[in-house]
Each structure stands twice: as C-alpha cells, then as structure tokens.
Amino acid sequence: MTSLTIRVRDAMGGYAATLHGKRATCAWSHEEAARRVARKVYGEAVDVKPDYLRHSDVAAGVRYRYHVTHQPEMN
C-alpha cells in the first residue's frame, strides 16, 4: 500500500512539502504547500487534513504532517 502522508519542512522564506518524491513550496502557508504537492501527485480531486507528528519526523526536521483525503465527485 502506498503512503498518503505529506511531510512539510521549513524552507527559505516559506514551506516545502514532499510526497512520493515530488515537492511543492508555498511562501505563506504550510497547509497550502501540502495541498499543492497532493494535487501534483493525485490530481485536483484531493485535499489534505492535519496528521500527528511522530518522533522520527521531529528528528528529521519535519514541522507539519498531513494526510491526503479524496473529495467526493460533484455531478
């Protein structure tokens, strides 16, 4: 099973989010950086929700953690 976890770190003047080897940045919001990388990997029909940090994340410099959620299709 593939991981749907996004890890967000501080970057120069903003935030950098990574998922499956892809990266996206945002200057104003860590949540928006996570949303951008999720949509880059899975398309526009996804969103993100906050997840709990683990001890290994903190040791690796991760500041925020998000989980990818799929939005219901609109008819």
PDB file of N, CA and C in Angstrom:
ATOM      1  N   MET A   1       0.842  -1.183   0.000  1.00  0.00           N
ATOM      2  CA  MET A   1       0.000   0.000   0.000  1.00  0.00           C
ATOM      3  C   MET A   1       0.880   1.236   0.000  1.00  0.00           C
ATOM      4  N   THR A   2       0.524   2.230  -0.782  1.00  0.00           N
ATOM      5  CA  THR A   2       1.319   3.445  -0.870  1.00  0.00           C
ATOM      6  C   THR A   2       0.943   4.407   0.248  1.00  0.00           C
ATOM      7  N   SER A   3       1.916   5.186   0.651  1.00  0.00           N
ATOM      8  CA  SER A   3       1.712   6.142   1.732  1.00  0.00           C
ATOM      9  C   SER A   3       1.006   7.390   1.211  1.00  0.00           C
ATOM     10  N   LEU A   4       0.080   7.899   1.988  1.00  0.00           N
ATOM     11  CA  LEU A   4      -0.617   9.134   1.660  1.00  0.00           C
ATOM     12  C   LEU A   4      -0.219  10.244   2.615  1.00  0.00           C
ATOM     13  N   THR A   5       0.970  10.139   3.209  1.00  0.00           N
ATOM     14  CA  THR A   5       1.439  11.102   4.194  1.00  0.00           C
ATOM     15  C   THR A   5       2.337  12.137   3.546  1.00  0.00           C
ATOM     16  N   ILE A   6       2.052  13.386   3.831  1.00  0.00           N
ATOM     17  CA  ILE A   6       2.843  14.507   3.326  1.00  0.00           C
ATOM     18  C   ILE A   6       3.631  15.079   4.491  1.00  0.00           C
ATOM     19  N   ARG A   7       4.901  15.302   4.284  1.00  0.00           N
ATOM     20  CA  ARG A   7       5.754  15.897   5.309  1.00  0.00           C
ATOM     21  C   ARG A   7       6.135  17.303   4.865  1.00  0.00           C
ATOM     22  N   VAL A   8       5.991  18.266   5.771  1.00  0.00           N
ATOM     23  CA  VAL A   8       6.269  19.666   5.449  1.00  0.00           C
ATOM     24  C   VAL A   8       7.404  20.167   6.340  1.00  0.00           C
ATOM     25  N   ARG A   9       8.401  20.762   5.709  1.00  0.00           N
ATOM     26  CA  ARG A   9       9.544  21.351   6.413  1.00  0.00           C
ATOM     27  C   ARG A   9       9.591  22.845   6.141  1.00  0.00           C
ATOM     28  N   ASP A  10      10.302  23.553   7.016  1.00  0.00           N
ATOM     29  CA  ASP A  10      10.564  24.961   6.749  1.00  0.00           C
ATOM     30  C   ASP A  10      11.536  25.068   5.584  1.00  0.00           C
ATOM     31  N   ALA A  11      11.293  26.042   4.724  1.00  0.00           N
ATOM     32  CA  ALA A  11      12.194  26.316   3.612  1.00  0.00           C
ATOM     33  C   ALA A  11      12.550  27.801   3.687  1.00  0.00           C
ATOM     34  N   MET A  12      13.447  28.228   2.883  1.00  0.00           N
ATOM     35  CA  MET A  12      13.864  29.628   2.916  1.00  0.00           C
ATOM     36  C   MET A  12      12.682  30.526   2.570  1.00  0.00           C
ATOM     37  N   GLY A  13      12.132  31.164   3.578  1.00  0.00           N
ATOM     38  CA  GLY A  13      11.031  32.092   3.351  1.00  0.00           C
ATOM     39  C   GLY A  13       9.679  31.429   3.170  1.00  0.00           C
ATOM     40  N   GLY A  14       9.529  30.168   3.505  1.00  0.00           N
ATOM     41  CA  GLY A  14       8.242  29.505   3.335  1.00  0.00           C
ATOM     42  C   GLY A  14       8.285  28.063   3.801  1.00  0.00           C
ATOM     43  N   TYR A  15       7.553  27.210   3.090  1.00  0.00           N
ATOM     44  CA  TYR A  15       7.428  25.808   3.456  1.00  0.00           C
ATOM     45  C   TYR A  15       7.615  24.932   2.220  1.00  0.00           C
ATOM     46  N   ALA A  16       8.168  23.747   2.438  1.00  0.00           N
ATOM     47  CA  ALA A  16       8.357  22.780   1.360  1.00  0.00           C
ATOM     48  C   ALA A  16       7.715  21.464   1.770  1.00  0.00           C
ATOM     49  N   ALA A  17       6.827  20.942   0.933  1.00  0.00           N
ATOM     50  CA  ALA A  17       6.118  19.696   1.209  1.00  0.00           C
ATOM     51  C   ALA A  17       6.584  18.626   0.229  1.00  0.00           C
ATOM     52  N   THR A  18       6.700  17.377   0.715  1.00  0.00           N
ATOM     53  CA  THR A  18       7.128  16.275  -0.138  1.00  0.00           C
ATOM     54  C   THR A  18       6.170  15.092  -0.022  1.00  0.00           C
ATOM     55  N   LEU A  19       5.970  14.427  -1.158  1.00  0.00           N
ATOM     56  CA  LEU A  19       5.124  13.238  -1.237  1.00  0.00           C
ATOM     57  C   LEU A  19       5.561  12.435  -2.456  1.00  0.00           C
ATOM     58  N   HIS A  20       5.918  11.182  -2.273  1.00  0.00           N
ATOM     59  CA  HIS A  20       6.323  10.280  -3.363  1.00  0.00           C
ATOM     60  C   HIS A  20       7.385  10.887  -4.270  1.00  0.00           C
ATOM     61  N   GLY A  21       8.369  11.562  -3.702  1.00  0.00           N
ATOM     62  CA  GLY A  21       9.451  12.137  -4.481  1.00  0.00           C
ATOM     63  C   GLY A  21       9.122  13.446  -5.161  1.00  0.00           C
ATOM     64  N   LYS A  22       7.902  13.918  -5.046  1.00  0.00           N
ATOM     65  CA  LYS A  22       7.511  15.213  -5.603  1.00  0.00           C
ATOM     66  C   LYS A  22       7.608  16.259  -4.503  1.00  0.00           C
ATOM     67  N   ARG A  23       7.791  17.506  -4.893  1.00  0.00           N
ATOM     68  CA  ARG A  23       7.949  18.589  -3.937  1.00  0.00           C
ATOM     69  C   ARG A  23       7.166  19.804  -4.411  1.00  0.00           C
ATOM     70  N   ALA A  24       6.572  20.500  -3.455  1.00  0.00           N
ATOM     71  CA  ALA A  24       5.889  21.758  -3.746  1.00  0.00           C
ATOM     72  C   ALA A  24       6.198  22.732  -2.612  1.00  0.00           C
ATOM     73  N   THR A  25       6.242  24.015  -2.947  1.00  0.00           N
ATOM     74  CA  THR A  25       6.541  25.027  -1.939  1.00  0.00           C
ATOM     75  C   THR A  25       5.439  26.069  -1.900  1.00  0.00           C
ATOM     76  N   CYS A  26       5.380  26.775  -0.778  1.00  0.00           N
ATOM     77  CA  CYS A  26       4.452  27.881  -0.628  1.00  0.00           C
ATOM     78  C   CYS A  26       5.066  28.847   0.375  1.00  0.00           C
ATOM     79  N   ALA A  27       4.967  30.132   0.106  1.00  0.00           N
ATOM     80  CA  ALA A  27       5.575  31.140   0.973  1.00  0.00           C
ATOM     81  C   ALA A  27       4.704  31.498   2.169  1.00  0.00           C
ATOM     82  N   TRP A  28       3.394  31.285   2.093  1.00  0.00           N
ATOM     83  CA  TRP A  28       2.534  31.802   3.155  1.00  0.00           C
ATOM     84  C   TRP A  28       1.862  30.744   4.021  1.00  0.00           C
ATOM     85  N   SER A  29       1.785  29.484   3.599  1.00  0.00           N
ATOM     86  CA  SER A  29       1.026  28.510   4.376  1.00  0.00           C
ATOM     87  C   SER A  29       1.584  27.098   4.219  1.00  0.00           C
ATOM     88  N   HIS A  30       1.816  26.419   5.344  1.00  0.00           N
ATOM     89  CA  HIS A  30       2.265  25.029   5.286  1.00  0.00           C
ATOM     90  C   HIS A  30       1.163  24.129   4.761  1.00  0.00           C
ATOM     91  N   GLU A  31      -0.093  24.450   5.052  1.00  0.00           N
ATOM     92  CA  GLU A  31      -1.212  23.650   4.547  1.00  0.00           C
ATOM     93  C   GLU A  31      -1.337  23.778   3.028  1.00  0.00           C
ATOM     94  N   GLU A  32      -1.130  24.961   2.505  1.00  0.00           N
ATOM     95  CA  GLU A  32      -1.210  25.153   1.056  1.00  0.00           C
ATOM     96  C   GLU A  32      -0.068  24.423   0.339  1.00  0.00           C
ATOM     97  N   ALA A  33       1.109  24.387   0.935  1.00  0.00           N
ATOM     98  CA  ALA A  33       2.222  23.620   0.354  1.00  0.00           C
ATOM     99  C   ALA A  33       1.859  22.141   0.285  1.00  0.00           C
ATOM    100  N   ALA A  34       1.247  21.626   1.351  1.00  0.00           N
ATOM    101  CA  ALA A  34       0.812  20.223   1.362  1.00  0.00           C
ATOM    102  C   ALA A  34      -0.263  19.973   0.310  1.00  0.00           C
ATOM    103  N   ARG A  35      -1.212  20.885   0.192  1.00  0.00           N
ATOM    104  CA  ARG A  35      -2.284  20.741  -0.801  1.00  0.00           C
ATOM    105  C   ARG A  35      -1.716  20.750  -2.220  1.00  0.00           C
ATOM    106  N   ARG A  36      -0.743  21.613  -2.472  1.00  0.00           N
ATOM    107  CA  ARG A  36      -0.161  21.692  -3.817  1.00  0.00           C
ATOM    108  C   ARG A  36       0.545  20.401  -4.221  1.00  0.00           C
ATOM    109  N   VAL A  37       1.310  19.821  -3.294  1.00  0.00           N
ATOM    110  CA  VAL A  37       2.008  18.585  -3.655  1.00  0.00           C
ATOM    111  C   VAL A  37       1.017  17.430  -3.793  1.00  0.00           C
ATOM    112  N   ALA A  38      -0.029  17.402  -2.978  1.00  0.00           N
ATOM    113  CA  ALA A  38      -1.049  16.343  -3.102  1.00  0.00           C
ATOM    114  C   ALA A  38      -1.731  16.418  -4.459  1.00  0.00           C
ATOM    115  N   ARG A  39      -2.048  17.610  -4.894  1.00  0.00           N
ATOM    116  CA  ARG A  39      -2.718  17.776  -6.191  1.00  0.00           C
ATOM    117  C   ARG A  39      -1.761  17.540  -7.350  1.00  0.00           C
ATOM    118  N   LYS A  40      -0.489  17.770  -7.134  1.00  0.00           N
ATOM    119  CA  LYS A  40       0.501  17.476  -8.171  1.00  0.00           C
ATOM    120  C   LYS A  40       0.590  15.958  -8.400  1.00  0.00           C
ATOM    121  N   VAL A  41       0.485  15.173  -7.320  1.00  0.00           N
ATOM    122  CA  VAL A  41       0.612  13.713  -7.415  1.00  0.00           C
ATOM    123  C   VAL A  41      -0.706  13.048  -7.788  1.00  0.00           C
ATOM    124  N   TYR A  42      -1.826  13.472  -7.157  1.00  0.00           N
ATOM    125  CA  TYR A  42      -3.095  12.760  -7.310  1.00  0.00           C
ATOM    126  C   TYR A  42      -4.161  13.496  -8.115  1.00  0.00           C
ATOM    127  N   GLY A  43      -3.921  14.718  -8.536  1.00  0.00           N
ATOM    128  CA  GLY A  43      -4.914  15.460  -9.301  1.00  0.00           C
ATOM    129  C   GLY A  43      -5.728  16.397  -8.416  1.00  0.00           C
ATOM    130  N   GLU A  44      -6.671  17.091  -9.028  1.00  0.00           N
ATOM    131  CA  GLU A  44      -7.432  18.132  -8.346  1.00  0.00           C
ATOM    132  C   GLU A  44      -8.488  17.620  -7.370  1.00  0.00           C
ATOM    133  N   ALA A  45      -8.826  16.344  -7.401  1.00  0.00           N
ATOM    134  CA  ALA A  45      -9.914  15.818  -6.577  1.00  0.00           C
ATOM    135  C   ALA A  45      -9.450  15.366  -5.195  1.00  0.00           C
ATOM    136  N   VAL A  46      -8.390  15.973  -4.666  1.00  0.00           N
ATOM    137  CA  VAL A  46      -7.906  15.618  -3.333  1.00  0.00           C
ATOM    138  C   VAL A  46      -7.770  16.869  -2.473  1.00  0.00           C
ATOM    139  N   ASP A  47      -7.728  16.648  -1.171  1.00  0.00           N
ATOM    140  CA  ASP A  47      -7.466  17.707  -0.205  1.00  0.00           C
ATOM    141  C   ASP A  47      -6.578  17.105   0.884  1.00  0.00           C
ATOM    142  N   VAL A  48      -6.245  17.886   1.886  1.00  0.00           N
ATOM    143  CA  VAL A  48      -5.391  17.402   2.960  1.00  0.00           C
ATOM    144  C   VAL A  48      -6.030  17.690   4.311  1.00  0.00           C
ATOM    145  N   LYS A  49      -5.651  16.873   5.297  1.00  0.00           N
ATOM    146  CA  LYS A  49      -6.065  17.132   6.674  1.00  0.00           C
ATOM    147  C   LYS A  49      -4.842  16.933   7.565  1.00  0.00           C
ATOM    148  N   PRO A  50      -4.763  17.671   8.672  1.00  0.00           N
ATOM    149  CA  PRO A  50      -3.594  17.560   9.563  1.00  0.00           C
ATOM    150  C   PRO A  50      -3.475  16.158  10.157  1.00  0.00           C
ATOM    151  N   ASP A  51      -2.241  15.748  10.378  1.00  0.00           N
ATOM    152  CA  ASP A  51      -1.947  14.458  10.981  1.00  0.00           C
ATOM    153  C   ASP A  51      -0.956  14.706  12.121  1.00  0.00           C
ATOM    154  N   TYR A  52      -0.810  13.732  13.015  1.00  0.00           N
ATOM    155  CA  TYR A  52       0.086  13.879  14.152  1.00  0.00           C
ATOM    156  C   TYR A  52       1.532  13.659  13.740  1.00  0.00           C
ATOM    157  N   LEU A  53       2.432  14.475  14.309  1.00  0.00           N
ATOM    158  CA  LEU A  53       3.859  14.274  14.089  1.00  0.00           C
ATOM    159  C   LEU A  53       4.327  13.065  14.884  1.00  0.00           C
ATOM    160  N   ARG A  54       5.301  12.373  14.339  1.00  0.00           N
ATOM    161  CA  ARG A  54       5.919  11.252  15.038  1.00  0.00           C
ATOM    162  C   ARG A  54       7.312  11.680  15.496  1.00  0.00           C
ATOM    163  N   HIS A  55       7.879  10.939  16.417  1.00  0.00           N
ATOM    164  CA  HIS A  55       9.223  11.267  16.913  1.00  0.00           C
ATOM    165  C   HIS A  55      10.248  11.254  15.793  1.00  0.00           C
ATOM    166  N   SER A  56      10.112  10.332  14.867  1.00  0.00           N
ATOM    167  CA  SER A  56      11.053  10.257  13.748  1.00  0.00           C
ATOM    168  C   SER A  56      10.924  11.472  12.827  1.00  0.00           C
ATOM    169  N   ASP A  57       9.716  12.044  12.714  1.00  0.00           N
ATOM    170  CA  ASP A  57       9.531  13.248  11.903  1.00  0.00           C
ATOM    171  C   ASP A  57      10.279  14.423  12.515  1.00  0.00           C
ATOM    172  N   VAL A  58      10.131  14.589  13.807  1.00  0.00           N
ATOM    173  CA  VAL A  58      10.789  15.704  14.500  1.00  0.00           C
ATOM    174  C   VAL A  58      12.306  15.585  14.373  1.00  0.00           C
ATOM    175  N   ALA A  59      12.823  14.379  14.518  1.00  0.00           N
ATOM    176  CA  ALA A  59      14.259  14.157  14.384  1.00  0.00           C
ATOM    177  C   ALA A  59      14.754  14.462  12.972  1.00  0.00           C
ATOM    178  N   ALA A  60      13.883  14.302  11.975  1.00  0.00           N
ATOM    179  CA  ALA A  60      14.253  14.555  10.579  1.00  0.00           C
ATOM    180  C   ALA A  60      14.003  16.002  10.151  1.00  0.00           C
ATOM    181  N   GLY A  61      13.521  16.843  11.059  1.00  0.00           N
ATOM    182  CA  GLY A  61      13.294  18.245  10.725  1.00  0.00           C
ATOM    183  C   GLY A  61      11.920  18.547  10.158  1.00  0.00           C
ATOM    184  N   VAL A  62      11.007  17.603  10.227  1.00  0.00           N
ATOM    185  CA  VAL A  62       9.652  17.810   9.727  1.00  0.00           C
ATOM    186  C   VAL A  62       8.884  18.640  10.754  1.00  0.00           C
ATOM    187  N   ARG A  63       8.210  19.698  10.293  1.00  0.00           N
ATOM    188  CA  ARG A  63       7.460  20.572  11.201  1.00  0.00           C
ATOM    189  C   ARG A  63       5.972  20.269  11.218  1.00  0.00           C
ATOM    190  N   TYR A  64       5.430  19.817  10.066  1.00  0.00           N
ATOM    191  CA  TYR A  64       3.999  19.537   9.945  1.00  0.00           C
ATOM    192  C   TYR A  64       3.826  18.251   9.152  1.00  0.00           C
ATOM    193  N   ARG A  65       2.711  17.578   9.404  1.00  0.00           N
ATOM    194  CA  ARG A  65       2.419  16.333   8.700  1.00  0.00           C
ATOM    195  C   ARG A  65       0.948  16.375   8.303  1.00  0.00           C
ATOM    196  N   TYR A  66       0.663  15.998   7.069  1.00  0.00           N
ATOM    197  CA  TYR A  66      -0.700  15.987   6.546  1.00  0.00           C
ATOM    198  C   TYR A  66      -0.997  14.639   5.915  1.00  0.00           C
ATOM    199  N   HIS A  67      -2.273  14.341   5.789  1.00  0.00           N
ATOM    200  CA  HIS A  67      -2.749  13.116   5.172  1.00  0.00           C
ATOM    201  C   HIS A  67      -3.644  13.493   3.992  1.00  0.00           C
ATOM    202  N   VAL A  68      -3.503  12.797   2.879  1.00  0.00           N
ATOM    203  CA  VAL A  68      -4.293  13.073   1.676  1.00  0.00           C
ATOM    204  C   VAL A  68      -5.690  12.482   1.841  1.00  0.00           C
ATOM    205  N   THR A  69      -6.704  13.269   1.529  1.00  0.00           N
ATOM    206  CA  THR A  69      -8.084  12.788   1.522  1.00  0.00           C
ATOM    207  C   THR A  69      -8.668  13.022   0.139  1.00  0.00           C
ATOM    208  N   HIS A  70      -9.502  12.111  -0.297  1.00  0.00           N
ATOM    209  CA  HIS A  70     -10.147  12.249  -1.603  1.00  0.00           C
ATOM    210  C   HIS A  70     -11.494  12.931  -1.437  1.00  0.00           C
ATOM    211  N   GLN A  71     -11.740  13.930  -2.241  1.00  0.00           N
ATOM    212  CA  GLN A  71     -13.013  14.650  -2.194  1.00  0.00           C
ATOM    213  C   GLN A  71     -14.056  13.881  -3.007  1.00  0.00           C
ATOM    214  N   PRO A  72     -15.307  13.904  -2.578  1.00  0.00           N
ATOM    215  CA  PRO A  72     -16.350  13.239  -3.372  1.00  0.00           C
ATOM    216  C   PRO A  72     -16.537  13.941  -4.714  1.00  0.00           C
ATOM    217  N   GLU A  73     -16.906  13.167  -5.711  1.00  0.00           N
ATOM    218  CA  GLU A  73     -17.112  13.742  -7.045  1.00  0.00           C
ATOM    219  C   GLU A  73     -18.390  14.554  -7.076  1.00  0.00           C
ATOM    220  N   MET A  74     -18.340  15.674  -7.771  1.00  0.00           N
ATOM    221  CA  MET A  74     -19.510  16.538  -7.929  1.00  0.00           C
ATOM    222  C   MET A  74     -20.176  16.212  -9.259  1.00  0.00           C
ATOM    223  N   ASN A  75     -21.467  16.040  -9.274  1.00  0.00           N
ATOM    224  CA  ASN A  75     -22.198  15.752 -10.520  1.00  0.00           C
ATOM    225  C   ASN A  75     -22.730  16.999 -11.138  1.00  0.00           C
TER     226      ASN A  75
END
